[in-house]
Amino acid sequence: MKNDNKTKGNTMGNFEYSHKPKRYEDMELIFSVGSVINTKNGMVYPLKKASGAILWNEGFNIVDAYNDYDNNYRWFLQIDVFDKKIVNKVLLKLLTKNVKKS
């Protein structure tokens, strides 16, 4: 089967999983954990240590990791203060996206 990375990805919950983003401007570096995060959809992709290349096929969604905190707490504990601002901003935006204002 040919893999051309043009697939839209799978949907799990309310978040879409896709390999390559359309805009690199939406990506922020999370240096303390060696990853980048897409600020629009919350996908986190690890970086290769030697070259710094983004590993598109090994991504996970930050909201899913937050909801399953018991299995992912080590990743969250490794984030330093500066990177935590980025992660918290993305989490807040995505977690409150579907909340109705009353």
PDB file of N, CA and C in Angstrom:
ATOM      1  N   MET A   1       0.834  -1.184   0.000  1.00  0.00           N
ATOM      2  CA  MET A   1       0.000   0.000   0.000  1.00  0.00           C
ATOM      3  C   MET A   1       0.875   1.243   0.000  1.00  0.00           C
ATOM      4  N   LYS A   2       0.565   2.144  -0.862  1.00  0.00           N
ATOM      5  CA  LYS A   2       1.368   3.350  -1.014  1.00  0.00           C
ATOM      6  C   LYS A   2       0.999   4.373   0.046  1.00  0.00           C
ATOM      7  N   ASN A   3       2.005   4.943   0.703  1.00  0.00           N
ATOM      8  CA  ASN A   3       1.787   5.963   1.719  1.00  0.00           C
ATOM      9  C   ASN A   3       2.302   7.286   1.176  1.00  0.00           C
ATOM     10  N   ASP A   4       1.375   8.188   0.831  1.00  0.00           N
ATOM     11  CA  ASP A   4       1.793   9.455   0.243  1.00  0.00           C
ATOM     12  C   ASP A   4       1.552  10.645   1.165  1.00  0.00           C
ATOM     13  N   ASN A   5       1.145  10.394   2.417  1.00  0.00           N
ATOM     14  CA  ASN A   5       0.906  11.436   3.412  1.00  0.00           C
ATOM     15  C   ASN A   5      -0.109  12.484   2.957  1.00  0.00           C
ATOM     16  N   LYS A   6      -1.006  12.120   2.036  1.00  0.00           N
ATOM     17  CA  LYS A   6      -2.055  13.030   1.609  1.00  0.00           C
ATOM     18  C   LYS A   6      -3.392  12.662   2.234  1.00  0.00           C
ATOM     19  N   THR A   7      -3.379  11.738   3.159  1.00  0.00           N
ATOM     20  CA  THR A   7      -4.625  11.339   3.798  1.00  0.00           C
ATOM     21  C   THR A   7      -5.063  12.396   4.788  1.00  0.00           C
ATOM     22  N   LYS A   8      -6.347  12.484   5.010  1.00  0.00           N
ATOM     23  CA  LYS A   8      -6.869  13.454   5.959  1.00  0.00           C
ATOM     24  C   LYS A   8      -6.676  13.004   7.383  1.00  0.00           C
ATOM     25  N   GLY A   9      -6.455  11.731   7.606  1.00  0.00           N
ATOM     26  CA  GLY A   9      -6.222  11.229   8.956  1.00  0.00           C
ATOM     27  C   GLY A   9      -7.481  10.637   9.553  1.00  0.00           C
ATOM     28  N   ASN A  10      -7.337  10.071  10.703  1.00  0.00           N
ATOM     29  CA  ASN A  10      -8.447   9.482  11.423  1.00  0.00           C
ATOM     30  C   ASN A  10      -8.999  10.495  12.405  1.00  0.00           C
ATOM     31  N   THR A  11     -10.262  10.338  12.741  1.00  0.00           N
ATOM     32  CA  THR A  11     -10.828  11.196  13.762  1.00  0.00           C
ATOM     33  C   THR A  11     -11.089  10.378  14.997  1.00  0.00           C
ATOM     34  N   MET A  12     -10.704  10.906  16.124  1.00  0.00           N
ATOM     35  CA  MET A  12     -10.935  10.259  17.402  1.00  0.00           C
ATOM     36  C   MET A  12     -11.468  11.326  18.331  1.00  0.00           C
ATOM     37  N   GLY A  13     -12.659  11.139  18.832  1.00  0.00           N
ATOM     38  CA  GLY A  13     -13.265  12.189  19.638  1.00  0.00           C
ATOM     39  C   GLY A  13     -13.602  13.370  18.745  1.00  0.00           C
ATOM     40  N   ASN A  14     -13.247  14.546  19.154  1.00  0.00           N
ATOM     41  CA  ASN A  14     -13.500  15.750  18.361  1.00  0.00           C
ATOM     42  C   ASN A  14     -12.252  16.257  17.655  1.00  0.00           C
ATOM     43  N   PHE A  15     -11.161  15.522  17.724  1.00  0.00           N
ATOM     44  CA  PHE A  15      -9.905  16.024  17.210  1.00  0.00           C
ATOM     45  C   PHE A  15      -9.448  15.192  16.020  1.00  0.00           C
ATOM     46  N   GLU A  16      -8.949  15.859  14.996  1.00  0.00           N
ATOM     47  CA  GLU A  16      -8.529  15.172  13.791  1.00  0.00           C
ATOM     48  C   GLU A  16      -7.044  14.884  13.850  1.00  0.00           C
ATOM     49  N   TYR A  17      -6.691  13.646  13.533  1.00  0.00           N
ATOM     50  CA  TYR A  17      -5.304  13.230  13.483  1.00  0.00           C
ATOM     51  C   TYR A  17      -4.856  13.285  12.029  1.00  0.00           C
ATOM     52  N   SER A  18      -3.835  14.050  11.741  1.00  0.00           N
ATOM     53  CA  SER A  18      -3.293  14.098  10.397  1.00  0.00           C
ATOM     54  C   SER A  18      -1.773  14.158  10.495  1.00  0.00           C
ATOM     55  N   HIS A  19      -1.113  13.748   9.441  1.00  0.00           N
ATOM     56  CA  HIS A  19       0.335  13.654   9.503  1.00  0.00           C
ATOM     57  C   HIS A  19       1.009  15.005   9.356  1.00  0.00           C
ATOM     58  N   LYS A  20       0.860  15.647   8.221  1.00  0.00           N
ATOM     59  CA  LYS A  20       1.549  16.915   8.017  1.00  0.00           C
ATOM     60  C   LYS A  20       0.562  18.070   8.054  1.00  0.00           C
ATOM     61  N   PRO A  21       0.914  19.126   8.790  1.00  0.00           N
ATOM     62  CA  PRO A  21       0.008  20.281   8.841  1.00  0.00           C
ATOM     63  C   PRO A  21       0.073  21.077   7.549  1.00  0.00           C
ATOM     64  N   LYS A  22      -0.966  21.844   7.300  1.00  0.00           N
ATOM     65  CA  LYS A  22      -0.988  22.684   6.110  1.00  0.00           C
ATOM     66  C   LYS A  22      -0.122  23.919   6.282  1.00  0.00           C
ATOM     67  N   ARG A  23       0.021  24.363   7.534  1.00  0.00           N
ATOM     68  CA  ARG A  23       0.790  25.581   7.802  1.00  0.00           C
ATOM     69  C   ARG A  23       1.807  25.315   8.906  1.00  0.00           C
ATOM     70  N   TYR A  24       3.060  25.591   8.615  1.00  0.00           N
ATOM     71  CA  TYR A  24       4.098  25.432   9.627  1.00  0.00           C
ATOM     72  C   TYR A  24       4.103  26.592  10.611  1.00  0.00           C
ATOM     73  N   GLU A  25       3.389  27.670  10.303  1.00  0.00           N
ATOM     74  CA  GLU A  25       3.319  28.799  11.222  1.00  0.00           C
ATOM     75  C   GLU A  25       2.561  28.423  12.494  1.00  0.00           C
ATOM     76  N   ASP A  26       1.727  27.390  12.408  1.00  0.00           N
ATOM     77  CA  ASP A  26       0.941  26.946  13.551  1.00  0.00           C
ATOM     78  C   ASP A  26       1.722  26.013  14.475  1.00  0.00           C
ATOM     79  N   MET A  27       2.976  25.746  14.164  1.00  0.00           N
ATOM     80  CA  MET A  27       3.789  24.834  14.955  1.00  0.00           C
ATOM     81  C   MET A  27       4.649  25.626  15.944  1.00  0.00           C
ATOM     82  N   GLU A  28       4.701  25.131  17.185  1.00  0.00           N
ATOM     83  CA  GLU A  28       5.540  25.733  18.227  1.00  0.00           C
ATOM     84  C   GLU A  28       6.486  24.665  18.761  1.00  0.00           C
ATOM     85  N   LEU A  29       7.718  25.036  19.014  1.00  0.00           N
ATOM     86  CA  LEU A  29       8.714  24.122  19.549  1.00  0.00           C
ATOM     87  C   LEU A  29       8.543  23.979  21.056  1.00  0.00           C
ATOM     88  N   ILE A  30       8.499  22.739  21.522  1.00  0.00           N
ATOM     89  CA  ILE A  30       8.508  22.442  22.963  1.00  0.00           C
ATOM     90  C   ILE A  30       9.850  21.769  23.224  1.00  0.00           C
ATOM     91  N   PHE A  31      10.847  22.593  23.435  1.00  0.00           N
ATOM     92  CA  PHE A  31      12.227  22.115  23.485  1.00  0.00           C
ATOM     93  C   PHE A  31      12.491  21.180  24.661  1.00  0.00           C
ATOM     94  N   SER A  32      11.858  21.406  25.794  1.00  0.00           N
ATOM     95  CA  SER A  32      12.153  20.622  26.996  1.00  0.00           C
ATOM     96  C   SER A  32      11.793  19.151  26.854  1.00  0.00           C
ATOM     97  N   VAL A  33      10.833  18.830  26.001  1.00  0.00           N
ATOM     98  CA  VAL A  33      10.465  17.432  25.778  1.00  0.00           C
ATOM     99  C   VAL A  33      10.818  16.972  24.369  1.00  0.00           C
ATOM    100  N   GLY A  34      11.505  17.804  23.600  1.00  0.00           N
ATOM    101  CA  GLY A  34      11.955  17.427  22.266  1.00  0.00           C
ATOM    102  C   GLY A  34      10.815  17.187  21.308  1.00  0.00           C
ATOM    103  N   SER A  35       9.866  18.122  21.264  1.00  0.00           N
ATOM    104  CA  SER A  35       8.681  17.960  20.424  1.00  0.00           C
ATOM    105  C   SER A  35       8.271  19.290  19.832  1.00  0.00           C
ATOM    106  N   VAL A  36       7.341  19.215  18.891  1.00  0.00           N
ATOM    107  CA  VAL A  36       6.663  20.398  18.378  1.00  0.00           C
ATOM    108  C   VAL A  36       5.165  20.172  18.547  1.00  0.00           C
ATOM    109  N   ILE A  37       4.412  21.258  18.728  1.00  0.00           N
ATOM    110  CA  ILE A  37       2.964  21.161  18.901  1.00  0.00           C
ATOM    111  C   ILE A  37       2.286  22.034  17.862  1.00  0.00           C
ATOM    112  N   ASN A  38       1.246  21.503  17.268  1.00  0.00           N
ATOM    113  CA  ASN A  38       0.412  22.268  16.360  1.00  0.00           C
ATOM    114  C   ASN A  38      -0.594  23.015  17.214  1.00  0.00           C
ATOM    115  N   THR A  39      -0.546  24.330  17.189  1.00  0.00           N
ATOM    116  CA  THR A  39      -1.385  25.130  18.078  1.00  0.00           C
ATOM    117  C   THR A  39      -2.843  25.166  17.644  1.00  0.00           C
ATOM    118  N   LYS A  40      -3.144  24.744  16.442  1.00  0.00           N
ATOM    119  CA  LYS A  40      -4.532  24.750  15.967  1.00  0.00           C
ATOM    120  C   LYS A  40      -5.291  23.495  16.380  1.00  0.00           C
ATOM    121  N   ASN A  41      -4.655  22.307  16.254  1.00  0.00           N
ATOM    122  CA  ASN A  41      -5.379  21.074  16.553  1.00  0.00           C
ATOM    123  C   ASN A  41      -4.793  20.285  17.720  1.00  0.00           C
ATOM    124  N   GLY A  42      -3.692  20.725  18.308  1.00  0.00           N
ATOM    125  CA  GLY A  42      -3.137  20.082  19.490  1.00  0.00           C
ATOM    126  C   GLY A  42      -2.304  18.850  19.238  1.00  0.00           C
ATOM    127  N   MET A  43      -1.954  18.578  18.000  1.00  0.00           N
ATOM    128  CA  MET A  43      -1.112  17.415  17.718  1.00  0.00           C
ATOM    129  C   MET A  43       0.334  17.711  18.114  1.00  0.00           C
ATOM    130  N   VAL A  44       0.948  16.753  18.817  1.00  0.00           N
ATOM    131  CA  VAL A  44       2.335  16.869  19.273  1.00  0.00           C
ATOM    132  C   VAL A  44       3.154  15.827  18.523  1.00  0.00           C
ATOM    133  N   TYR A  45       4.260  16.265  17.935  1.00  0.00           N
ATOM    134  CA  TYR A  45       5.136  15.374  17.178  1.00  0.00           C
ATOM    135  C   TYR A  45       6.530  15.414  17.792  1.00  0.00           C
ATOM    136  N   PRO A  46       7.137  14.247  18.041  1.00  0.00           N
ATOM    137  CA  PRO A  46       8.506  14.237  18.563  1.00  0.00           C
ATOM    138  C   PRO A  46       9.508  14.633  17.484  1.00  0.00           C
ATOM    139  N   LEU A  47      10.681  15.060  17.942  1.00  0.00           N
ATOM    140  CA  LEU A  47      11.778  15.420  17.047  1.00  0.00           C
ATOM    141  C   LEU A  47      12.882  14.381  17.145  1.00  0.00           C
ATOM    142  N   LYS A  48      13.572  14.138  16.017  1.00  0.00           N
ATOM    143  CA  LYS A  48      14.769  13.293  16.055  1.00  0.00           C
ATOM    144  C   LYS A  48      15.855  14.057  16.773  1.00  0.00           C
ATOM    145  N   LYS A  49      16.546  13.392  17.674  1.00  0.00           N
ATOM    146  CA  LYS A  49      17.572  14.084  18.464  1.00  0.00           C
ATOM    147  C   LYS A  49      18.761  14.516  17.625  1.00  0.00           C
ATOM    148  N   ALA A  50      19.182  13.685  16.694  1.00  0.00           N
ATOM    149  CA  ALA A  50      20.382  13.996  15.918  1.00  0.00           C
ATOM    150  C   ALA A  50      20.135  15.095  14.880  1.00  0.00           C
ATOM    151  N   SER A  51      19.022  14.990  14.141  1.00  0.00           N
ATOM    152  CA  SER A  51      18.821  15.912  13.026  1.00  0.00           C
ATOM    153  C   SER A  51      17.774  16.989  13.283  1.00  0.00           C
ATOM    154  N   GLY A  52      16.893  16.780  14.263  1.00  0.00           N
ATOM    155  CA  GLY A  52      15.832  17.741  14.520  1.00  0.00           C
ATOM    156  C   GLY A  52      14.650  17.596  13.581  1.00  0.00           C
ATOM    157  N   ALA A  53      14.609  16.518  12.806  1.00  0.00           N
ATOM    158  CA  ALA A  53      13.496  16.283  11.884  1.00  0.00           C
ATOM    159  C   ALA A  53      12.244  15.899  12.672  1.00  0.00           C
ATOM    160  N   ILE A  54      11.108  16.306  12.171  1.00  0.00           N
ATOM    161  CA  ILE A  54       9.834  16.009  12.830  1.00  0.00           C
ATOM    162  C   ILE A  54       9.387  14.606  12.431  1.00  0.00           C
ATOM    163  N   LEU A  55       9.038  13.796  13.415  1.00  0.00           N
ATOM    164  CA  LEU A  55       8.565  12.437  13.166  1.00  0.00           C
ATOM    165  C   LEU A  55       7.039  12.476  13.037  1.00  0.00           C
ATOM    166  N   TRP A  56       6.564  12.651  11.813  1.00  0.00           N
ATOM    167  CA  TRP A  56       5.146  12.877  11.559  1.00  0.00           C
ATOM    168  C   TRP A  56       4.276  11.681  11.934  1.00  0.00           C
ATOM    169  N   ASN A  57       4.787  10.483  11.837  1.00  0.00           N
ATOM    170  CA  ASN A  57       3.976   9.289  12.086  1.00  0.00           C
ATOM    171  C   ASN A  57       3.878   8.912  13.557  1.00  0.00           C
ATOM    172  N   GLU A  58       4.551   9.618  14.449  1.00  0.00           N
ATOM    173  CA  GLU A  58       4.558   9.269  15.867  1.00  0.00           C
ATOM    174  C   GLU A  58       3.883  10.328  16.735  1.00  0.00           C
ATOM    175  N   GLY A  59       2.952  11.059  16.172  1.00  0.00           N
ATOM    176  CA  GLY A  59       2.294  12.133  16.894  1.00  0.00           C
ATOM    177  C   GLY A  59       1.168  11.652  17.797  1.00  0.00           C
ATOM    178  N   PHE A  60       0.802  12.503  18.740  1.00  0.00           N
ATOM    179  CA  PHE A  60      -0.343  12.254  19.610  1.00  0.00           C
ATOM    180  C   PHE A  60      -1.030  13.582  19.892  1.00  0.00           C
ATOM    181  N   ASN A  61      -2.275  13.495  20.312  1.00  0.00           N
ATOM    182  CA  ASN A  61      -3.033  14.701  20.592  1.00  0.00           C
ATOM    183  C   ASN A  61      -2.876  15.083  22.048  1.00  0.00           C
ATOM    184  N   ILE A  62      -2.617  16.350  22.309  1.00  0.00           N
ATOM    185  CA  ILE A  62      -2.351  16.833  23.664  1.00  0.00           C
ATOM    186  C   ILE A  62      -3.582  16.701  24.553  1.00  0.00           C
ATOM    187  N   VAL A  63      -4.771  16.850  24.002  1.00  0.00           N
ATOM    188  CA  VAL A  63      -5.997  16.725  24.798  1.00  0.00           C
ATOM    189  C   VAL A  63      -6.206  15.274  25.226  1.00  0.00           C
ATOM    190  N   ASP A  64      -5.945  14.338  24.321  1.00  0.00           N
ATOM    191  CA  ASP A  64      -6.058  12.922  24.679  1.00  0.00           C
ATOM    192  C   ASP A  64      -5.043  12.553  25.753  1.00  0.00           C
ATOM    193  N   ALA A  65      -3.837  13.096  25.654  1.00  0.00           N
ATOM    194  CA  ALA A  65      -2.820  12.830  26.673  1.00  0.00           C
ATOM    195  C   ALA A  65      -3.222  13.440  28.008  1.00  0.00           C
ATOM    196  N   TYR A  66      -3.816  14.621  27.989  1.00  0.00           N
ATOM    197  CA  TYR A  66      -4.273  15.270  29.219  1.00  0.00           C
ATOM    198  C   TYR A  66      -5.424  14.491  29.859  1.00  0.00           C
ATOM    199  N   ASN A  67      -6.339  13.993  29.040  1.00  0.00           N
ATOM    200  CA  ASN A  67      -7.461  13.214  29.562  1.00  0.00           C
ATOM    201  C   ASN A  67      -7.012  11.876  30.139  1.00  0.00           C
ATOM    202  N   ASP A  68      -5.902  11.341  29.640  1.00  0.00           N
ATOM    203  CA  ASP A  68      -5.334  10.094  30.156  1.00  0.00           C
ATOM    204  C   ASP A  68      -4.063  10.422  30.945  1.00  0.00           C
ATOM    205  N   TYR A  69      -4.176  11.347  31.879  1.00  0.00           N
ATOM    206  CA  TYR A  69      -3.026  11.895  32.603  1.00  0.00           C
ATOM    207  C   TYR A  69      -2.271  10.827  33.386  1.00  0.00           C
ATOM    208  N   ASP A  70      -2.968   9.811  33.905  1.00  0.00           N
ATOM    209  CA  ASP A  70      -2.307   8.768  34.697  1.00  0.00           C
ATOM    210  C   ASP A  70      -1.222   8.050  33.913  1.00  0.00           C
ATOM    211  N   ASN A  71      -1.396   7.898  32.612  1.00  0.00           N
ATOM    212  CA  ASN A  71      -0.401   7.221  31.782  1.00  0.00           C
ATOM    213  C   ASN A  71       0.582   8.180  31.128  1.00  0.00           C
ATOM    214  N   ASN A  72       0.328   9.472  31.199  1.00  0.00           N
ATOM    215  CA  ASN A  72       1.175  10.448  30.515  1.00  0.00           C
ATOM    216  C   ASN A  72       1.773  11.500  31.435  1.00  0.00           C
ATOM    217  N   TYR A  73       1.677  11.310  32.740  1.00  0.00           N
ATOM    218  CA  TYR A  73       2.118  12.353  33.669  1.00  0.00           C
ATOM    219  C   TYR A  73       3.614  12.635  33.562  1.00  0.00           C
ATOM    220  N   ARG A  74       4.410  11.631  33.210  1.00  0.00           N
ATOM    221  CA  ARG A  74       5.866  11.866  33.095  1.00  0.00           C
ATOM    222  C   ARG A  74       6.181  12.859  31.994  1.00  0.00           C
ATOM    223  N   TRP A  75       5.446  12.782  30.890  1.00  0.00           N
ATOM    224  CA  TRP A  75       5.668  13.722  29.795  1.00  0.00           C
ATOM    225  C   TRP A  75       5.346  15.140  30.261  1.00  0.00           C
ATOM    226  N   PHE A  76       4.240  15.305  30.980  1.00  0.00           N
ATOM    227  CA  PHE A  76       3.856  16.626  31.464  1.00  0.00           C
ATOM    228  C   PHE A  76       4.825  17.151  32.519  1.00  0.00           C
ATOM    229  N   LEU A  77       5.394  16.274  33.338  1.00  0.00           N
ATOM    230  CA  LEU A  77       6.348  16.715  34.361  1.00  0.00           C
ATOM    231  C   LEU A  77       7.672  17.182  33.769  1.00  0.00           C
ATOM    232  N   GLN A  78       8.014  16.709  32.586  1.00  0.00           N
ATOM    233  CA  GLN A  78       9.274  17.096  31.945  1.00  0.00           C
ATOM    234  C   GLN A  78       9.226  18.487  31.314  1.00  0.00           C
ATOM    235  N   ILE A  79       8.053  19.040  31.140  1.00  0.00           N
ATOM    236  CA  ILE A  79       7.913  20.340  30.488  1.00  0.00           C
ATOM    237  C   ILE A  79       8.395  21.442  31.425  1.00  0.00           C
ATOM    238  N   ASP A  80       9.274  22.307  30.925  1.00  0.00           N
ATOM    239  CA  ASP A  80       9.757  23.400  31.773  1.00  0.00           C
ATOM    240  C   ASP A  80       8.758  24.571  31.771  1.00  0.00           C
ATOM    241  N   VAL A  81       9.058  25.590  32.532  1.00  0.00           N
ATOM    242  CA  VAL A  81       8.140  26.710  32.760  1.00  0.00           C
ATOM    243  C   VAL A  81       7.802  27.440  31.468  1.00  0.00           C
ATOM    244  N   PHE A  82       8.775  27.664  30.610  1.00  0.00           N
ATOM    245  CA  PHE A  82       8.555  28.422  29.382  1.00  0.00           C
ATOM    246  C   PHE A  82       7.688  27.643  28.399  1.00  0.00           C
ATOM    247  N   ASP A  83       7.949  26.330  28.276  1.00  0.00           N
ATOM    248  CA  ASP A  83       7.160  25.503  27.371  1.00  0.00           C
ATOM    249  C   ASP A  83       5.772  25.221  27.930  1.00  0.00           C
ATOM    250  N   LYS A  84       5.632  25.239  29.242  1.00  0.00           N
ATOM    251  CA  LYS A  84       4.331  24.987  29.858  1.00  0.00           C
ATOM    252  C   LYS A  84       3.321  26.071  29.480  1.00  0.00           C
ATOM    253  N   LYS A  85       3.797  27.294  29.254  1.00  0.00           N
ATOM    254  CA  LYS A  85       2.902  28.372  28.820  1.00  0.00           C
ATOM    255  C   LYS A  85       2.272  28.036  27.471  1.00  0.00           C
ATOM    256  N   ILE A  86       3.067  27.505  26.556  1.00  0.00           N
ATOM    257  CA  ILE A  86       2.578  27.134  25.229  1.00  0.00           C
ATOM    258  C   ILE A  86       1.575  25.988  25.334  1.00  0.00           C
ATOM    259  N   VAL A  87       1.939  24.954  26.085  1.00  0.00           N
ATOM    260  CA  VAL A  87       1.084  23.775  26.224  1.00  0.00           C
ATOM    261  C   VAL A  87      -0.233  24.148  26.908  1.00  0.00           C
ATOM    262  N   ASN A  88      -0.168  24.955  27.963  1.00  0.00           N
ATOM    263  CA  ASN A  88      -1.382  25.351  28.669  1.00  0.00           C
ATOM    264  C   ASN A  88      -2.299  26.200  27.799  1.00  0.00           C
ATOM    265  N   LYS A  89      -1.709  27.065  26.965  1.00  0.00           N
ATOM    266  CA  LYS A  89      -2.513  27.897  26.076  1.00  0.00           C
ATOM    267  C   LYS A  89      -3.264  27.037  25.055  1.00  0.00           C
ATOM    268  N   VAL A  90      -2.592  26.048  24.494  1.00  0.00           N
ATOM    269  CA  VAL A  90      -3.230  25.153  23.520  1.00  0.00           C
ATOM    270  C   VAL A  90      -4.299  24.300  24.200  1.00  0.00           C
ATOM    271  N   LEU A  91      -3.983  23.760  25.385  1.00  0.00           N
ATOM    272  CA  LEU A  91      -4.960  22.957  26.109  1.00  0.00           C
ATOM    273  C   LEU A  91      -6.204  23.771  26.463  1.00  0.00           C
ATOM    274  N   LEU A  92      -6.006  24.970  26.947  1.00  0.00           N
ATOM    275  CA  LEU A  92      -7.139  25.814  27.324  1.00  0.00           C
ATOM    276  C   LEU A  92      -8.017  26.121  26.118  1.00  0.00           C
ATOM    277  N   LYS A  93      -7.377  26.411  24.998  1.00  0.00           N
ATOM    278  CA  LYS A  93      -8.138  26.723  23.788  1.00  0.00           C
ATOM    279  C   LYS A  93      -8.949  25.515  23.320  1.00  0.00           C
ATOM    280  N   LEU A  94      -8.341  24.333  23.323  1.00  0.00           N
ATOM    281  CA  LEU A  94      -9.032  23.146  22.814  1.00  0.00           C
ATOM    282  C   LEU A  94     -10.040  22.577  23.803  1.00  0.00           C
ATOM    283  N   LEU A  95      -9.754  22.660  25.101  1.00  0.00           N
ATOM    284  CA  LEU A  95     -10.686  22.116  26.091  1.00  0.00           C
ATOM    285  C   LEU A  95     -11.940  22.973  26.223  1.00  0.00           C
ATOM    286  N   THR A  96     -11.824  24.274  25.999  1.00  0.00           N
ATOM    287  CA  THR A  96     -12.968  25.157  26.156  1.00  0.00           C
ATOM    288  C   THR A  96     -13.648  25.453  24.816  1.00  0.00           C
ATOM    289  N   LYS A  97     -13.225  24.791  23.755  1.00  0.00           N
ATOM    290  CA  LYS A  97     -13.765  25.040  22.433  1.00  0.00           C
ATOM    291  C   LYS A  97     -15.248  24.709  22.336  1.00  0.00           C
ATOM    292  N   ASN A  98     -15.662  23.617  22.957  1.00  0.00           N
ATOM    293  CA  ASN A  98     -17.041  23.171  22.853  1.00  0.00           C
ATOM    294  C   ASN A  98     -17.885  23.490  24.095  1.00  0.00           C
ATOM    295  N   VAL A  99     -17.371  24.306  24.991  1.00  0.00           N
ATOM    296  CA  VAL A  99     -18.102  24.667  26.185  1.00  0.00           C
ATOM    297  C   VAL A  99     -19.029  25.838  25.873  1.00  0.00           C
ATOM    298  N   LYS A 100     -20.297  25.681  26.226  1.00  0.00           N
ATOM    299  CA  LYS A 100     -21.261  26.768  25.983  1.00  0.00           C
ATOM    300  C   LYS A 100     -21.118  27.841  27.053  1.00  0.00           C
ATOM    301  N   LYS A 101     -21.227  29.070  26.615  1.00  0.00           N
ATOM    302  CA  LYS A 101     -21.209  30.188  27.576  1.00  0.00           C
ATOM    303  C   LYS A 101     -22.631  30.399  28.057  1.00  0.00           C
ATOM    304  N   SER A 102     -22.784  30.478  29.368  1.00  0.00           N
ATOM    305  CA  SER A 102     -24.131  30.672  29.893  1.00  0.00           C
ATOM    306  C   SER A 102     -24.259  31.967  30.652  1.00  0.00           C
TER     307      SER A 102
END
